[in-house]
Amino acid sequence: MSKSIIASVMPEETRVALLEAGELMEVSVERSESGHLVGNIYKGKVKNVLPGMQAAFVDIGRDKNAFLYMGDAGRQAACQHLTIGQDVLVQIAKDAMGDKGPRATISLTLPGRYIVLMPTVDYIGISRRIEEEPERERLRQIAEKIRPAGMGVIVRTVAIGKGEEDLIKDMAYLANMWSILSSRAKRSNAPALIYRDAELVVRIVRDYLTEDVTEFVIDNQEAYNRVVDLLTHISPELAECVRLYTPTGQESDIFSRFNLDTQLDSLRNRRVELACGGYLVIDHTEALTVIDVNTGKFVGKTNLSETVFQTNLEAAAQIVRQLRLRDIGGIIIIDFIDMDKAEQRAAVLAVLELELKKDRTKSNVLGFTSLGLVEMTRKKARQSINGMLYSQCPYCLGKGRIKSPETVVLDIKRDLRKLNKRSRPGGRLLIQVHPQVADLLTKQGELKRLEEETARSLTLESVADLNPEIFSLLWKPD
């Protein structure tokens, strides 16, 4: 499958899109003001130790302290030895999200092109995407041979078919980097940033640029030069696919040229249409994400069972696309349309798992529950694309619902009737409302009826920038 990478680089923001067979599959956004924390290494200072949670909070010099969990078996002893005020070297594993600070680990990793160096653990790992056992064993033997004593190595997928010399060069670069970082950490006062992970465009080259990428288009001359220079040293055979975007005619923006802006805007929608006529509904909660599958307008050609099955098959592929596009992580519950046949359920799960193999983010499908729901998890390291691009609605505050104009009118009536039981100052009563509520009060003659009921002089004022749920009752002297 051919892949394309489209990069839009501005001083304030970098956006990168991954297309597979011409279809948008992943989007990454990085802003200079908010920065990128995952992968950064800090010399932090322990601010609080929570033995009951096998965790600690570490000051890394940011607005929020990092949460350091050390509860797995190999690290419990280390947690017992942490003390308040102690310096500790940590790496950010998950960005801050909502009210939660970033999550940190003491298992440090330095990613290269072909390998990942783990200077604090003694371990050899091979990418799960390398499936052929002879190749896994070959790479494992090379990793064992070239790794520094006492350090760990993970061999990346892009190392398939690469010789020992390529991995040695990568290892030499990473080992030298670790030596420099170690020296920097010793002479730095906590809290201090010891290592900043590469910027987004460089990370894309490191992590995504493989032989199946047919074009890497960049709209910024400086970023283009940086990518070409980097590839010249690490993968010169891939430099030919990189090209600088030159605007033509009215298509000045690279994302508009590739019709990506419209697709990005659609990511805020709960509802996702399927080609067959069915649709998905995606809802997020604090604990998990729920995806509901519906047949919609799809009526099929044979029988109900086959219609449901075909909808679920298409939905499974689209669900994975949406997980990647929106970068949805954590617990995910999928409510496929009920299927009576076990072989149909197995086929839908097979499509789901096959599509997930294309996803670089680790996931785990647990299968159908007794209620017929599919449970799965997907690693969550960064804020979702929706969380970065959009803010909480100031009206509904994340609920997704506001009071209807009819409900607000009823609230106004209640307050007016309460006022009517109190003392009656002179003058008229001004009612300030949102235009939708004003229309309802005017068109249905409600204002006149309220005047008659309360025996008061009422004046209605429409305020365009007022919250649709809010109204005010103000006394105005004659």
Protein backbone atom coordinates (compact mmCIF):
# COMPACT_ATOMS: atom_id res chain seq x y z
CA MET A 1 0.00 0.00 0.00
CA SER A 2 1.44 3.35 -1.06
CA LYS A 3 1.74 6.04 1.59
CA SER A 4 2.14 9.81 1.44
CA ILE A 5 3.24 12.24 4.14
CA ILE A 6 2.14 15.88 3.91
CA ALA A 7 3.79 18.43 6.22
CA SER A 8 2.66 22.01 6.80
CA VAL A 9 5.24 23.99 8.79
CA MET A 10 4.67 27.44 10.29
CA PRO A 11 6.66 29.18 13.07
CA GLU A 12 3.76 28.65 15.46
CA GLU A 13 2.52 25.21 14.41
CA THR A 14 3.51 22.09 12.50
CA ARG A 15 0.87 19.76 11.04
CA VAL A 16 1.70 16.40 9.48
CA ALA A 17 -0.79 14.10 7.72
CA LEU A 18 -0.28 10.45 6.80
CA LEU A 19 -2.23 9.17 3.79
CA GLU A 20 -2.59 5.50 2.89
CA ALA A 21 -3.78 4.80 -0.66
CA GLY A 22 -4.80 8.46 -0.85
CA GLU A 23 -6.96 8.31 2.29
CA LEU A 24 -6.15 10.39 5.38
CA MET A 25 -5.28 8.02 8.23
CA GLU A 26 -3.31 9.96 10.85
CA VAL A 27 -2.73 13.60 11.78
CA SER A 28 -0.11 15.00 14.15
CA VAL A 29 -0.10 18.59 15.37
CA GLU A 30 2.60 20.31 17.39
CA ARG A 31 2.50 23.91 18.56
CA SER A 32 5.53 25.88 19.63
CA GLU A 33 3.76 27.54 22.55
CA SER A 34 2.55 24.32 24.17
CA GLY A 35 5.53 22.22 23.17
CA HIS A 36 5.95 18.46 23.11
CA LEU A 37 6.77 16.64 26.35
CA VAL A 38 6.59 12.93 25.53
CA GLY A 39 10.14 11.60 25.21
CA ASN A 40 11.74 14.52 27.05
CA ILE A 41 14.13 13.61 29.88
CA TYR A 42 14.26 15.75 33.02
CA LYS A 43 16.35 15.84 36.13
CA GLY A 44 13.49 16.25 38.56
CA LYS A 45 13.08 16.71 42.28
CA VAL A 46 10.74 14.47 44.28
CA LYS A 47 7.99 16.61 45.85
CA ASN A 48 5.81 13.92 47.37
CA VAL A 49 6.00 10.14 47.86
CA LEU A 50 2.85 8.01 47.95
CA PRO A 51 3.90 4.54 49.22
CA GLY A 52 0.30 3.31 49.21
CA MET A 53 0.09 4.04 45.49
CA GLN A 54 3.72 3.05 44.77
CA ALA A 55 4.12 6.43 43.14
CA ALA A 56 5.65 9.87 43.56
CA PHE A 57 5.15 13.39 42.26
CA VAL A 58 8.23 14.91 40.68
CA ASP A 59 8.91 18.60 40.00
CA ILE A 60 10.24 18.88 36.42
CA GLY A 61 10.03 22.66 36.20
CA ARG A 62 6.64 22.74 34.47
CA ASP A 63 3.25 24.04 35.65
CA LYS A 64 2.26 20.59 36.89
CA ASN A 65 4.38 17.99 38.65
CA ALA A 66 4.96 14.71 36.83
CA PHE A 67 3.31 11.56 38.20
CA LEU A 68 5.89 8.77 38.56
CA TYR A 69 4.34 5.32 38.94
CA MET A 70 6.65 2.57 40.13
CA GLY A 71 4.19 -0.15 41.02
CA ASP A 72 5.32 -2.94 38.71
CA ALA A 73 7.33 -5.69 40.36
CA GLY A 74 10.79 -4.54 39.31
CA ARG A 75 10.40 -1.01 40.63
CA GLN A 76 8.63 -1.32 43.96
CA ALA A 77 11.92 -1.40 45.84
CA ALA A 78 13.09 1.73 44.07
CA CYS A 79 9.91 3.53 45.14
CA GLN A 80 10.58 2.65 48.76
CA HIS A 81 13.93 4.44 48.53
CA LEU A 82 12.56 7.67 47.05
CA THR A 83 12.57 10.56 49.50
CA ILE A 84 11.18 14.08 49.31
CA GLY A 85 13.79 16.43 47.89
CA GLN A 86 15.70 13.64 46.13
CA ASP A 87 16.88 14.20 42.55
CA VAL A 88 15.67 11.64 40.00
CA LEU A 89 16.09 11.25 36.25
CA VAL A 90 12.70 10.72 34.56
CA GLN A 91 11.30 10.60 31.04
CA ILE A 92 7.82 11.77 30.09
CA ALA A 93 5.68 8.86 28.89
CA LYS A 94 2.33 10.66 28.62
CA ASP A 95 1.46 14.32 28.11
CA ALA A 96 -0.59 16.27 30.63
CA MET A 97 -4.30 15.82 29.95
CA GLY A 98 -7.07 17.85 31.53
CA ASP A 99 -6.37 18.30 35.23
CA LYS A 100 -3.76 15.54 35.26
CA GLY A 101 -0.07 16.34 34.99
CA PRO A 102 2.31 14.45 32.71
CA ARG A 103 3.15 10.84 33.51
CA ALA A 104 6.80 9.90 33.89
CA THR A 105 8.95 6.77 34.03
CA ILE A 106 12.47 5.96 35.21
CA SER A 107 12.89 3.51 32.31
CA LEU A 108 14.62 5.87 29.89
CA THR A 109 14.63 5.32 26.12
CA LEU A 110 16.60 7.04 23.34
CA PRO A 111 15.06 6.30 19.92
CA GLY A 112 17.22 6.04 16.83
CA ARG A 113 16.40 5.12 13.26
CA TYR A 114 16.79 1.35 13.62
CA ILE A 115 17.03 0.77 17.35
CA VAL A 116 15.93 2.22 20.67
CA LEU A 117 18.55 2.37 23.41
CA MET A 118 17.38 1.73 26.98
CA PRO A 119 20.33 2.77 29.16
CA THR A 120 18.70 1.91 32.51
CA VAL A 121 17.52 -1.68 31.84
CA ASP A 122 19.18 -4.90 30.67
CA TYR A 123 16.83 -6.17 27.98
CA ILE A 124 16.57 -7.03 24.26
CA GLY A 125 13.28 -6.58 22.43
CA ILE A 126 12.25 -6.99 18.80
CA SER A 127 9.37 -5.02 17.28
CA ARG A 128 6.14 -7.03 17.29
CA ARG A 129 5.66 -6.01 13.65
CA ILE A 130 8.65 -8.12 12.65
CA GLU A 131 6.79 -11.42 12.40
CA GLU A 132 9.20 -13.78 10.61
CA GLU A 133 11.10 -15.75 13.24
CA PRO A 134 14.39 -16.09 11.27
CA GLU A 135 14.58 -12.30 10.86
CA ARG A 136 13.71 -11.76 14.51
CA GLU A 137 16.47 -14.11 15.56
CA ARG A 138 19.01 -12.49 13.20
CA LEU A 139 18.27 -9.04 14.57
CA ARG A 140 18.30 -10.33 18.14
CA GLN A 141 21.82 -11.71 17.66
CA ILE A 142 23.04 -8.40 16.19
CA ALA A 143 21.47 -6.48 19.09
CA GLU A 144 23.12 -8.76 21.62
CA LYS A 145 26.47 -8.23 19.95
CA ILE A 146 26.41 -4.45 19.65
CA ARG A 147 24.63 -3.29 22.81
CA PRO A 148 26.65 -1.74 25.64
CA ALA A 149 27.03 -3.92 28.72
CA GLY A 150 24.09 -3.66 31.08
CA MET A 151 21.96 -1.64 28.69
CA GLY A 152 18.86 -2.64 26.76
CA VAL A 153 17.93 -2.43 23.08
CA ILE A 154 14.68 -2.58 21.14
CA VAL A 155 15.03 -3.28 17.42
CA ARG A 156 12.56 -1.24 15.37
CA THR A 157 10.47 -2.45 12.42
CA VAL A 158 12.45 -0.35 9.94
CA ALA A 159 15.51 -2.51 10.74
CA ILE A 160 14.11 -5.41 8.68
CA GLY A 161 16.75 -6.45 6.15
CA LYS A 162 19.36 -4.01 7.47
CA GLY A 163 22.90 -5.17 8.06
CA GLU A 164 24.97 -5.09 11.20
CA GLU A 165 26.83 -1.96 10.08
CA ASP A 166 23.62 0.09 9.94
CA LEU A 167 22.70 -0.91 13.47
CA ILE A 168 26.23 -0.28 14.74
CA LYS A 169 26.13 3.30 13.41
CA ASP A 170 22.79 3.85 15.12
CA MET A 171 24.09 2.37 18.37
CA ALA A 172 27.24 4.50 18.31
CA TYR A 173 25.16 7.65 17.88
CA LEU A 174 22.78 6.74 20.72
CA ALA A 175 25.53 5.59 23.10
CA ASN A 176 27.37 8.87 22.54
CA MET A 177 24.14 10.79 23.14
CA TRP A 178 23.60 8.94 26.44
CA SER A 179 27.15 9.77 27.53
CA ILE A 180 26.52 13.47 26.85
CA LEU A 181 23.15 13.39 28.64
CA SER A 182 24.63 11.63 31.67
CA SER A 183 27.30 14.31 32.00
CA ARG A 184 24.71 17.05 31.57
CA ALA A 185 22.50 15.51 34.24
CA LYS A 186 25.37 15.38 36.78
CA ARG A 187 26.19 19.06 36.47
CA SER A 188 22.57 20.33 36.27
CA ASN A 189 20.47 21.47 39.21
CA ALA A 190 16.98 20.00 39.42
CA PRO A 191 14.51 20.68 37.99
CA ALA A 192 16.15 20.81 34.57
CA LEU A 193 15.46 19.63 31.03
CA ILE A 194 18.23 17.20 30.11
CA TYR A 195 17.02 15.98 26.72
CA ARG A 196 14.35 17.29 24.38
CA ASP A 197 12.88 14.84 21.90
CA ALA A 198 13.17 15.78 18.24
CA GLU A 199 10.69 18.19 16.66
CA LEU A 200 7.68 16.73 14.86
CA VAL A 201 9.08 16.73 11.30
CA VAL A 202 12.25 14.91 12.42
CA ARG A 203 10.21 12.41 14.46
CA ILE A 204 8.13 11.68 11.36
CA VAL A 205 11.32 10.90 9.43
CA ARG A 206 12.57 8.73 12.28
CA ASP A 207 9.35 6.86 12.95
CA TYR A 208 7.22 6.91 9.78
CA LEU A 209 9.41 7.28 6.71
CA THR A 210 9.79 3.78 5.29
CA GLU A 211 10.24 2.28 1.85
CA ASP A 212 6.47 2.15 1.22
CA VAL A 213 6.23 5.98 1.45
CA THR A 214 6.11 7.24 -2.13
CA GLU A 215 6.18 10.98 -1.36
CA PHE A 216 6.98 13.26 1.56
CA VAL A 217 5.80 16.77 0.67
CA ILE A 218 6.89 19.75 2.82
CA ASP A 219 5.84 23.36 2.35
CA ASN A 220 8.75 24.94 4.24
CA GLN A 221 12.22 25.36 2.69
CA GLU A 222 14.13 25.15 6.00
CA ALA A 223 12.26 22.04 7.14
CA TYR A 224 12.74 20.49 3.69
CA ASN A 225 16.52 21.08 3.85
CA ARG A 226 16.66 19.59 7.36
CA VAL A 227 14.84 16.44 6.27
CA VAL A 228 17.03 15.95 3.18
CA ASP A 229 20.20 16.43 5.23
CA LEU A 230 19.01 13.93 7.82
CA LEU A 231 18.09 11.32 5.21
CA THR A 232 21.45 11.77 3.49
CA HIS A 233 23.07 10.41 6.64
CA ILE A 234 20.59 7.76 7.79
CA SER A 235 18.66 6.54 4.70
CA PRO A 236 19.92 8.14 1.47
CA GLU A 237 17.75 5.80 -0.62
CA LEU A 238 14.63 7.54 0.75
CA ALA A 239 15.74 11.11 0.00
CA GLU A 240 14.28 10.93 -3.52
CA CYS A 241 10.69 10.79 -2.22
CA VAL A 242 11.02 14.15 -0.41
CA ARG A 243 9.92 17.22 -2.34
CA LEU A 244 9.29 20.87 -1.60
CA TYR A 245 5.71 22.04 -2.16
CA THR A 246 5.40 24.96 -4.56
CA PRO A 247 2.00 26.73 -4.49
CA THR A 248 0.24 27.09 -7.84
CA GLY A 249 -2.73 29.34 -8.61
CA GLN A 250 -5.14 29.79 -5.73
CA GLU A 251 -4.01 26.64 -3.91
CA SER A 252 -1.53 28.37 -1.62
CA ASP A 253 -2.03 26.14 1.42
CA ILE A 254 -0.66 22.60 1.20
CA PHE A 255 -3.45 21.08 3.34
CA SER A 256 -6.07 22.70 1.10
CA ARG A 257 -4.26 21.40 -1.98
CA PHE A 258 -4.59 17.82 -0.70
CA ASN A 259 -8.16 18.40 0.58
CA LEU A 260 -7.15 17.79 4.19
CA ASP A 261 -8.68 20.81 5.95
CA THR A 262 -12.24 19.62 5.32
CA GLN A 263 -11.40 16.18 6.64
CA LEU A 264 -9.75 17.69 9.72
CA ASP A 265 -12.86 19.75 10.46
CA SER A 266 -15.01 16.61 10.37
CA LEU A 267 -13.07 15.11 13.30
CA ARG A 268 -15.13 17.15 15.76
CA ASN A 269 -18.33 15.38 14.64
CA ARG A 270 -19.79 12.60 16.76
CA ARG A 271 -21.35 10.97 13.71
CA VAL A 272 -19.24 9.31 11.00
CA GLU A 273 -20.95 8.18 7.80
CA LEU A 274 -20.17 4.78 6.28
CA ALA A 275 -20.06 4.27 2.51
CA CYS A 276 -22.80 1.64 2.72
CA GLY A 277 -25.26 4.11 4.28
CA GLY A 278 -24.72 3.11 7.90
CA TYR A 279 -22.95 5.30 10.42
CA LEU A 280 -20.90 5.40 13.63
CA VAL A 281 -21.51 7.52 16.72
CA ILE A 282 -18.40 8.26 18.81
CA ASP A 283 -18.81 9.50 22.38
CA HIS A 284 -16.05 10.28 24.88
CA THR A 285 -16.30 10.05 28.65
CA GLU A 286 -13.70 10.55 31.37
CA ALA A 287 -13.21 6.79 31.68
CA LEU A 288 -13.59 5.45 28.15
CA THR A 289 -14.71 5.99 24.55
CA VAL A 290 -17.90 4.37 23.27
CA ILE A 291 -18.52 3.71 19.57
CA ASP A 292 -22.00 2.72 18.38
CA VAL A 293 -22.64 1.13 14.96
CA ASN A 294 -25.94 1.71 13.15
CA THR A 295 -27.33 0.48 9.81
CA GLY A 296 -28.82 3.90 9.01
CA LYS A 297 -30.02 4.01 5.38
CA PHE A 298 -28.38 0.70 4.43
CA VAL A 299 -31.10 -1.88 3.73
CA GLY A 300 -28.97 -4.54 2.03
CA LYS A 301 -29.86 -6.84 -0.83
CA THR A 302 -30.52 -10.27 0.67
CA ASN A 303 -31.63 -10.52 4.32
CA LEU A 304 -31.29 -8.73 7.68
CA SER A 305 -28.47 -10.96 8.92
CA GLU A 306 -26.33 -10.24 5.86
CA THR A 307 -27.13 -6.50 5.98
CA VAL A 308 -26.01 -6.32 9.61
CA PHE A 309 -22.87 -8.34 8.86
CA GLN A 310 -21.82 -6.15 5.92
CA THR A 311 -22.41 -2.98 7.97
CA ASN A 312 -20.30 -4.32 10.82
CA LEU A 313 -17.47 -5.32 8.47
CA GLU A 314 -17.27 -1.82 6.99
CA ALA A 315 -17.66 -0.29 10.45
CA ALA A 316 -14.71 -2.30 11.83
CA ALA A 317 -12.33 -0.83 9.24
CA GLN A 318 -13.71 2.70 9.69
CA ILE A 319 -13.46 2.44 13.48
CA VAL A 320 -9.72 1.76 13.28
CA ARG A 321 -9.33 4.70 10.90
CA GLN A 322 -11.14 6.96 13.36
CA LEU A 323 -9.03 5.71 16.28
CA ARG A 324 -5.90 6.62 14.35
CA LEU A 325 -7.23 9.91 12.97
CA ARG A 326 -8.54 11.17 16.31
CA ASP A 327 -5.72 9.47 18.25
CA ILE A 328 -8.23 7.92 20.65
CA GLY A 329 -6.62 6.00 23.49
CA GLY A 330 -7.51 4.25 26.73
CA ILE A 331 -10.48 1.90 27.08
CA ILE A 332 -12.70 1.65 24.00
CA ILE A 333 -16.09 -0.08 23.89
CA ILE A 334 -17.62 -0.88 20.48
CA ASP A 335 -21.31 -1.68 20.15
CA PHE A 336 -21.55 -3.51 16.83
CA ILE A 337 -25.02 -4.37 15.56
CA ASP A 338 -26.06 -7.72 17.06
CA MET A 339 -25.01 -10.76 15.02
CA ASP A 340 -26.50 -14.20 15.58
CA LYS A 341 -23.75 -16.26 13.94
CA ALA A 342 -20.47 -16.90 15.74
CA GLU A 343 -18.58 -16.99 12.42
CA GLN A 344 -19.82 -13.49 11.60
CA ARG A 345 -18.62 -12.14 14.96
CA ALA A 346 -15.26 -13.83 14.38
CA ALA A 347 -14.99 -12.28 10.89
CA VAL A 348 -15.70 -8.78 12.24
CA LEU A 349 -13.05 -9.21 14.94
CA ALA A 350 -10.60 -10.45 12.29
CA VAL A 351 -11.14 -7.28 10.21
CA LEU A 352 -10.71 -5.13 13.31
CA GLU A 353 -7.43 -6.82 14.26
CA LEU A 354 -6.13 -6.80 10.67
CA GLU A 355 -6.69 -3.05 10.38
CA LEU A 356 -5.09 -2.46 13.77
CA LYS A 357 -1.87 -4.04 12.49
CA LYS A 358 -1.43 -0.94 10.32
CA ASP A 359 -1.57 1.25 13.43
CA ARG A 360 1.79 2.07 15.02
CA THR A 361 0.14 2.64 18.40
CA LYS A 362 -0.13 -0.51 20.49
CA SER A 363 -3.64 -1.87 21.04
CA ASN A 364 -5.24 -4.96 22.54
CA VAL A 365 -8.61 -6.40 21.44
CA LEU A 366 -10.24 -8.42 24.22
CA GLY A 367 -13.13 -9.68 22.10
CA PHE A 368 -16.91 -9.74 22.60
CA THR A 369 -18.29 -9.53 26.13
CA SER A 370 -21.37 -11.40 27.34
CA LEU A 371 -23.40 -8.31 26.42
CA GLY A 372 -22.18 -8.45 22.82
CA LEU A 373 -19.85 -5.46 23.13
CA VAL A 374 -16.26 -5.46 21.92
CA GLU A 375 -13.71 -4.35 24.50
CA MET A 376 -10.30 -3.05 23.46
CA THR A 377 -7.55 -0.75 24.67
CA ARG A 378 -5.21 1.56 22.78
CA LYS A 379 -2.12 3.19 24.23
CA LYS A 380 -2.65 6.83 25.11
CA ALA A 381 0.49 8.98 25.24
CA ARG A 382 -0.56 12.36 23.88
CA GLN A 383 -3.58 14.60 23.94
CA SER A 384 -6.07 13.59 21.25
CA ILE A 385 -6.34 15.70 18.11
CA ASN A 386 -9.75 16.96 19.29
CA GLY A 387 -8.29 17.94 22.65
CA MET A 388 -5.58 19.97 20.95
CA LEU A 389 -7.64 21.67 18.23
CA TYR A 390 -10.85 22.42 20.14
CA SER A 391 -11.79 23.95 23.49
CA GLN A 392 -14.69 23.04 25.73
CA CYS A 393 -17.95 24.70 24.73
CA PRO A 394 -18.52 27.73 27.01
CA TYR A 395 -22.27 27.11 26.93
CA CYS A 396 -22.66 23.39 27.63
CA LEU A 397 -19.25 22.98 29.43
CA GLY A 398 -18.66 19.62 27.81
CA LYS A 399 -22.12 18.16 28.42
CA GLY A 400 -23.01 18.36 24.73
CA ARG A 401 -26.50 19.65 25.60
CA ILE A 402 -27.98 23.01 26.53
CA LYS A 403 -31.48 23.89 27.67
CA SER A 404 -33.99 24.31 24.87
CA PRO A 405 -35.66 27.74 24.39
CA GLU A 406 -38.90 26.17 25.65
CA THR A 407 -37.16 25.12 28.89
CA VAL A 408 -35.68 28.60 29.38
CA VAL A 409 -39.14 30.16 28.91
CA LEU A 410 -40.48 27.87 31.65
CA ASP A 411 -37.60 28.93 33.93
CA ILE A 412 -38.48 32.60 33.30
CA LYS A 413 -42.11 31.92 34.21
CA ARG A 414 -41.09 30.24 37.47
CA ASP A 415 -38.91 33.19 38.48
CA LEU A 416 -41.62 35.69 37.56
CA ARG A 417 -44.16 33.84 39.68
CA LYS A 418 -41.74 33.81 42.61
CA LEU A 419 -41.24 37.56 42.21
CA ASN A 420 -44.99 38.06 42.17
CA LYS A 421 -45.23 36.75 45.72
CA ARG A 422 -42.82 39.43 46.98
CA SER A 423 -43.24 43.18 47.41
CA ARG A 424 -44.02 45.03 44.20
CA PRO A 425 -41.67 47.98 43.52
CA GLY A 426 -42.78 50.46 40.88
CA GLY A 427 -41.51 50.54 37.33
CA ARG A 428 -41.27 47.90 34.65
CA LEU A 429 -39.42 44.59 34.57
CA LEU A 430 -36.77 44.11 31.86
CA ILE A 431 -36.25 40.54 30.67
CA GLN A 432 -32.91 39.97 28.87
CA VAL A 433 -32.71 36.72 26.90
CA HIS A 434 -30.97 35.05 23.97
CA PRO A 435 -32.59 35.80 20.54
CA GLN A 436 -33.99 32.25 20.25
CA VAL A 437 -35.80 32.64 23.57
CA ALA A 438 -36.95 36.15 22.59
CA ASP A 439 -38.48 34.76 19.38
CA LEU A 440 -40.38 32.14 21.33
CA LEU A 441 -41.73 34.66 23.84
CA THR A 442 -42.78 37.04 21.06
CA LYS A 443 -44.23 34.67 18.46
CA GLN A 444 -46.37 32.69 20.84
CA GLY A 445 -47.70 35.77 22.65
CA GLU A 446 -46.18 34.55 25.90
CA LEU A 447 -44.99 38.00 26.96
CA LYS A 448 -48.48 39.47 26.79
CA ARG A 449 -49.98 36.55 28.72
CA LEU A 450 -47.26 36.95 31.38
CA GLU A 451 -48.05 40.64 31.72
CA GLU A 452 -51.71 39.80 32.28
CA GLU A 453 -50.93 37.02 34.76
CA THR A 454 -48.46 39.03 36.83
CA ALA A 455 -50.08 42.44 36.40
CA ARG A 456 -46.65 43.86 35.63
CA SER A 457 -45.22 45.90 32.78
CA LEU A 458 -42.69 43.63 31.04
CA THR A 459 -40.08 44.66 28.47
CA LEU A 460 -38.18 42.08 26.40
CA GLU A 461 -34.58 42.64 25.27
CA SER A 462 -32.78 40.25 22.88
CA VAL A 463 -29.02 39.95 23.63
CA ALA A 464 -27.12 38.17 20.84
CA ASP A 465 -23.99 37.26 22.84
CA LEU A 466 -25.89 35.96 25.87
CA ASN A 467 -25.58 32.30 26.83
CA PRO A 468 -28.76 30.61 25.44
CA GLU A 469 -29.46 29.15 28.88
CA ILE A 470 -29.09 32.44 30.78
CA PHE A 471 -31.63 35.19 31.30
CA SER A 472 -31.87 38.18 33.62
CA LEU A 473 -34.78 40.03 35.26
CA LEU A 474 -34.02 43.70 35.98
CA TRP A 475 -36.23 46.40 37.54
CA LYS A 476 -36.30 49.61 35.52
CA PRO A 477 -37.90 52.65 37.22
CA ASP A 478 -40.46 54.62 35.20
